[in-house]
Amino acid sequence: MICRVRVLLVEDDEPIAESLRRGLGRYGFEVDWVRTGADALAAAPAELVLLDLGLPDTDGLDVCRELRARGDVPIIVISARADEVDKVVGLEIGADDYVSKPFGVREVIARMRAVLRRSKTVQAAAPTADSYAGGRLVIDRRARRVHLDGAEISLAPKEFDLLAFLAEEPGAALTREQIMEAVWDSNWFGPTKTLDVHIGALRRKLGDAVTVETVRGVGFRLVTS
């Protein structure tokens, strides 16, 4: 299922913060946004921290150091400082990853998921499974293989990515935009005809064992039997 993880976003640039809030929200993350280091240190505990270094009241590296001293919450630095020294220092004082601006929401989410998979905090709170089993369908994400009624079915790479994403939250209606960002590109613009083509291919290959329902005016949802 999509992680219901509480994220503390520490970012003083409002357009960047709003973009991240919207993007993360579409994937089920709950985002608390603060603008300063002081507010970050006073915020309620989170399961992951996205931390900008260029804060108005203090250096983000000091905030990172203090958060790490308090516990093992995963920390991903997001910063315009692309210098190797800043990256090394950030990682050495406790950051789990470092993303340089500008970045795409999809890249940030991919890095978040990678960090969360390694985190004991999220394994306890909202595990990201390497496999999915629903009714007659089994998806092995690690091996990128799909079995239906015990028999393996062959899917094209994007067909597999699409099915695996829909299976993250079976029964939930996922928007076209959300699917396109996750499976194709976070900067996708224009018609989504390619999504309909891949949905049609999945329906043919999965038959009546798995239903990819159309949610009119929204997108699609996966229903297994």
Protein backbone atom coordinates (compact mmCIF):
# COMPACT_ATOMS: atom_id res chain seq x y z
CA MET A 1 0.00 0.00 0.00
CA ILE A 2 1.04 3.62 -0.39
CA CYS A 3 2.94 4.74 2.69
CA ARG A 4 0.94 6.88 5.12
CA VAL A 5 4.11 8.44 6.44
CA ARG A 6 4.33 11.75 8.25
CA VAL A 7 6.99 13.97 6.67
CA LEU A 8 8.48 17.12 8.18
CA LEU A 9 9.37 19.52 5.37
CA VAL A 10 11.82 22.25 6.40
CA GLU A 11 11.93 24.73 3.53
CA ASP A 12 11.69 28.56 3.47
CA ASP A 13 11.07 28.82 -0.29
CA GLU A 14 7.28 28.79 -0.57
CA PRO A 15 6.95 27.74 -4.25
CA ILE A 16 9.28 24.78 -3.69
CA ALA A 17 7.51 23.84 -0.47
CA GLU A 18 4.05 24.02 -2.06
CA SER A 19 5.19 21.92 -5.02
CA LEU A 20 6.56 19.26 -2.68
CA ARG A 21 3.44 19.33 -0.50
CA ARG A 22 1.17 18.75 -3.48
CA GLY A 23 3.37 16.06 -4.98
CA LEU A 24 3.89 14.15 -1.76
CA GLY A 25 0.22 14.47 -0.88
CA ARG A 26 -0.77 12.74 -4.11
CA TYR A 27 1.25 9.74 -2.98
CA GLY A 28 -0.36 9.57 0.44
CA PHE A 29 2.36 11.26 2.48
CA GLU A 30 1.25 13.60 5.27
CA VAL A 31 3.37 16.74 5.16
CA ASP A 32 4.03 19.20 8.00
CA TRP A 33 5.73 22.30 6.59
CA VAL A 34 7.92 24.69 8.59
CA ARG A 35 10.12 27.52 7.35
CA THR A 36 12.86 27.81 9.99
CA GLY A 37 15.33 25.68 11.85
CA ALA A 38 13.80 26.67 15.19
CA ASP A 39 10.37 25.50 14.06
CA ALA A 40 11.88 22.26 12.76
CA LEU A 41 13.44 21.49 16.13
CA ALA A 42 10.18 22.34 17.91
CA ALA A 43 7.96 20.31 15.55
CA ALA A 44 6.21 17.12 16.51
CA PRO A 45 8.13 13.91 15.72
CA ALA A 46 7.99 12.82 12.08
CA GLU A 47 8.88 9.61 10.29
CA LEU A 48 11.06 11.36 7.71
CA VAL A 49 12.56 14.85 7.40
CA LEU A 50 13.16 16.78 4.18
CA LEU A 51 15.63 19.49 5.19
CA ASP A 52 16.79 22.54 3.27
CA LEU A 53 20.19 23.88 4.29
CA GLY A 54 19.62 27.56 3.44
CA LEU A 55 17.27 28.47 6.29
CA PRO A 56 16.68 32.09 7.39
CA ASP A 57 17.58 31.62 11.07
CA THR A 58 20.29 28.96 11.10
CA ASP A 59 22.37 26.65 8.95
CA GLY A 60 20.48 23.52 8.01
CA LEU A 61 23.55 21.45 8.82
CA ASP A 62 23.17 22.45 12.47
CA VAL A 63 19.53 21.38 12.38
CA CYS A 64 20.55 18.08 10.81
CA ARG A 65 23.15 17.52 13.51
CA GLU A 66 20.64 18.24 16.29
CA LEU A 67 17.92 16.02 14.79
CA ARG A 68 20.39 13.18 14.45
CA ALA A 69 21.48 13.62 18.07
CA ARG A 70 17.86 13.21 19.13
CA GLY A 71 17.19 9.97 17.30
CA ASP A 72 17.32 7.94 14.10
CA VAL A 73 14.62 9.66 12.04
CA PRO A 74 15.55 9.45 8.33
CA ILE A 75 16.80 12.80 7.01
CA ILE A 76 17.08 13.80 3.35
CA VAL A 77 18.81 17.10 2.68
CA ILE A 78 17.36 19.16 -0.17
CA SER A 79 19.60 22.05 -1.08
CA ALA A 80 20.87 24.37 -3.80
CA ARG A 81 24.36 23.75 -2.43
CA ALA A 82 25.70 21.32 -4.98
CA ASP A 83 29.29 21.50 -3.77
CA GLU A 84 30.77 18.10 -2.94
CA VAL A 85 32.01 19.36 0.44
CA ASP A 86 28.48 20.24 1.56
CA LYS A 87 27.23 16.83 0.47
CA VAL A 88 30.00 15.03 2.33
CA VAL A 89 29.48 17.10 5.49
CA GLY A 90 25.72 16.56 5.37
CA LEU A 91 26.09 12.81 5.05
CA GLU A 92 28.80 12.63 7.69
CA ILE A 93 26.74 14.44 10.32
CA GLY A 94 23.80 12.12 9.87
CA ALA A 95 21.80 12.80 6.70
CA ASP A 96 20.62 9.65 4.94
CA ASP A 97 20.62 11.21 1.46
CA TYR A 98 21.28 14.51 -0.31
CA VAL A 99 19.23 15.91 -3.22
CA SER A 100 20.49 18.96 -5.09
CA LYS A 101 18.11 21.61 -6.42
CA PRO A 102 16.56 21.78 -8.90
CA PHE A 103 14.90 18.39 -8.61
CA GLY A 104 11.72 16.64 -9.67
CA VAL A 105 9.11 15.42 -7.22
CA ARG A 106 9.43 11.94 -8.63
CA GLU A 107 13.16 11.89 -7.82
CA VAL A 108 12.51 13.01 -4.26
CA ILE A 109 9.83 10.34 -3.77
CA ALA A 110 12.12 7.64 -5.16
CA ARG A 111 14.85 8.68 -2.73
CA MET A 112 12.35 8.82 0.13
CA ARG A 113 11.15 5.32 -0.59
CA ALA A 114 14.72 4.04 -0.74
CA VAL A 115 15.52 5.63 2.62
CA LEU A 116 12.27 4.42 4.15
CA ARG A 117 12.95 0.85 3.08
CA ARG A 118 16.19 1.01 5.03
CA SER A 119 14.59 2.65 8.04
CA LYS A 120 13.50 0.68 11.10
CA THR A 121 11.01 3.46 11.81
CA VAL A 122 9.03 2.90 8.65
CA GLN A 123 9.36 -0.86 8.69
CA ALA A 124 7.39 -0.70 11.91
CA ALA A 125 4.97 2.04 10.85
CA ALA A 126 4.30 1.42 7.15
CA PRO A 127 6.37 -1.24 5.43
CA THR A 128 7.02 -1.12 1.72
CA ALA A 129 6.55 -4.69 0.57
CA ASP A 130 8.72 -6.30 -2.08
CA SER A 131 5.77 -8.44 -3.13
CA TYR A 132 2.00 -8.20 -3.39
CA ALA A 133 -0.52 -11.02 -3.22
CA GLY A 134 -4.17 -10.29 -3.85
CA GLY A 135 -6.60 -13.04 -4.72
CA ARG A 136 -5.24 -14.88 -7.73
CA LEU A 137 -2.53 -12.28 -8.45
CA VAL A 138 1.04 -12.25 -7.11
CA ILE A 139 3.50 -9.45 -7.93
CA ASP A 140 7.20 -9.85 -7.11
CA ARG A 141 8.50 -6.31 -7.30
CA ARG A 142 12.10 -7.25 -6.66
CA ALA A 143 12.23 -9.84 -9.44
CA ARG A 144 9.72 -7.90 -11.60
CA ARG A 145 7.62 -11.00 -12.19
CA VAL A 146 3.85 -11.48 -12.11
CA HIS A 147 1.97 -14.73 -11.53
CA LEU A 148 -1.73 -15.29 -12.10
CA ASP A 149 -3.25 -18.51 -10.74
CA GLY A 150 0.31 -19.77 -10.26
CA ALA A 151 1.33 -19.20 -13.87
CA GLU A 152 3.73 -16.43 -14.85
CA ILE A 153 2.42 -13.83 -17.29
CA SER A 154 4.66 -11.71 -19.48
CA LEU A 155 4.37 -7.94 -19.12
CA ALA A 156 6.22 -5.16 -20.89
CA PRO A 157 8.31 -2.97 -18.53
CA LYS A 158 5.77 -0.15 -18.38
CA GLU A 159 2.90 -2.61 -18.00
CA PHE A 160 4.65 -4.07 -14.96
CA ASP A 161 5.34 -0.60 -13.51
CA LEU A 162 1.70 0.37 -14.02
CA LEU A 163 0.35 -2.79 -12.40
CA ALA A 164 2.78 -2.56 -9.48
CA PHE A 165 1.79 1.05 -8.84
CA LEU A 166 -1.94 0.29 -8.93
CA ALA A 167 -1.31 -2.59 -6.52
CA GLU A 168 0.30 -0.26 -3.98
CA GLU A 169 -3.21 0.68 -2.89
CA PRO A 170 -5.73 -1.83 -4.28
CA GLY A 171 -9.27 -0.54 -4.36
CA ALA A 172 -8.22 3.12 -4.22
CA ALA A 173 -9.05 5.44 -7.10
CA LEU A 174 -5.80 6.85 -8.49
CA THR A 175 -5.89 9.86 -10.76
CA ARG A 176 -4.47 9.89 -14.26
CA GLU A 177 -1.99 12.56 -13.23
CA GLN A 178 -0.83 10.55 -10.23
CA ILE A 179 -0.32 7.45 -12.38
CA MET A 180 1.50 9.34 -15.12
CA GLU A 181 3.88 10.96 -12.63
CA ALA A 182 4.66 7.65 -10.94
CA VAL A 183 4.99 5.41 -14.00
CA TRP A 184 6.16 7.77 -16.71
CA ASP A 185 7.57 11.16 -15.71
CA SER A 186 6.92 13.78 -13.03
CA ASN A 187 7.13 16.46 -15.73
CA TRP A 188 4.62 14.78 -18.05
CA PHE A 189 2.40 17.21 -19.93
CA GLY A 190 -0.20 16.67 -22.61
CA PRO A 191 -2.62 13.84 -23.42
CA THR A 192 -2.59 10.60 -21.47
CA LYS A 193 -3.52 8.31 -24.34
CA THR A 194 -0.49 6.11 -23.66
CA LEU A 195 -1.99 5.31 -20.24
CA ASP A 196 -5.20 4.04 -21.86
CA VAL A 197 -3.17 1.88 -24.22
CA HIS A 198 -1.28 0.25 -21.35
CA ILE A 199 -4.47 -0.19 -19.30
CA GLY A 200 -6.02 -1.98 -22.26
CA ALA A 201 -3.00 -4.27 -22.56
CA LEU A 202 -3.14 -5.11 -18.85
CA ARG A 203 -6.84 -5.93 -19.05
CA ARG A 204 -6.25 -8.32 -21.93
CA LYS A 205 -3.40 -10.11 -20.16
CA LEU A 206 -5.03 -10.29 -16.73
CA GLY A 207 -8.45 -11.41 -17.89
CA ASP A 208 -11.27 -11.58 -15.36
CA ALA A 209 -9.03 -12.47 -12.41
CA VAL A 210 -7.99 -8.86 -11.93
CA THR A 211 -10.09 -5.84 -12.83
CA VAL A 212 -8.64 -2.45 -13.64
CA GLU A 213 -11.74 -0.33 -13.22
CA THR A 214 -12.22 3.05 -14.84
CA VAL A 215 -13.26 5.72 -12.36
CA ARG A 216 -15.06 8.25 -14.50
CA GLY A 217 -13.53 11.70 -14.34
CA VAL A 218 -10.73 10.50 -12.03
CA GLY A 219 -8.60 7.62 -13.24
CA PHE A 220 -8.36 3.91 -12.41
CA ARG A 221 -8.38 1.46 -9.52
CA LEU A 222 -7.26 -2.15 -9.16
CA VAL A 223 -9.75 -4.77 -7.94
CA THR A 224 -8.66 -8.38 -7.42
CA SER A 225 -10.87 -11.43 -7.06
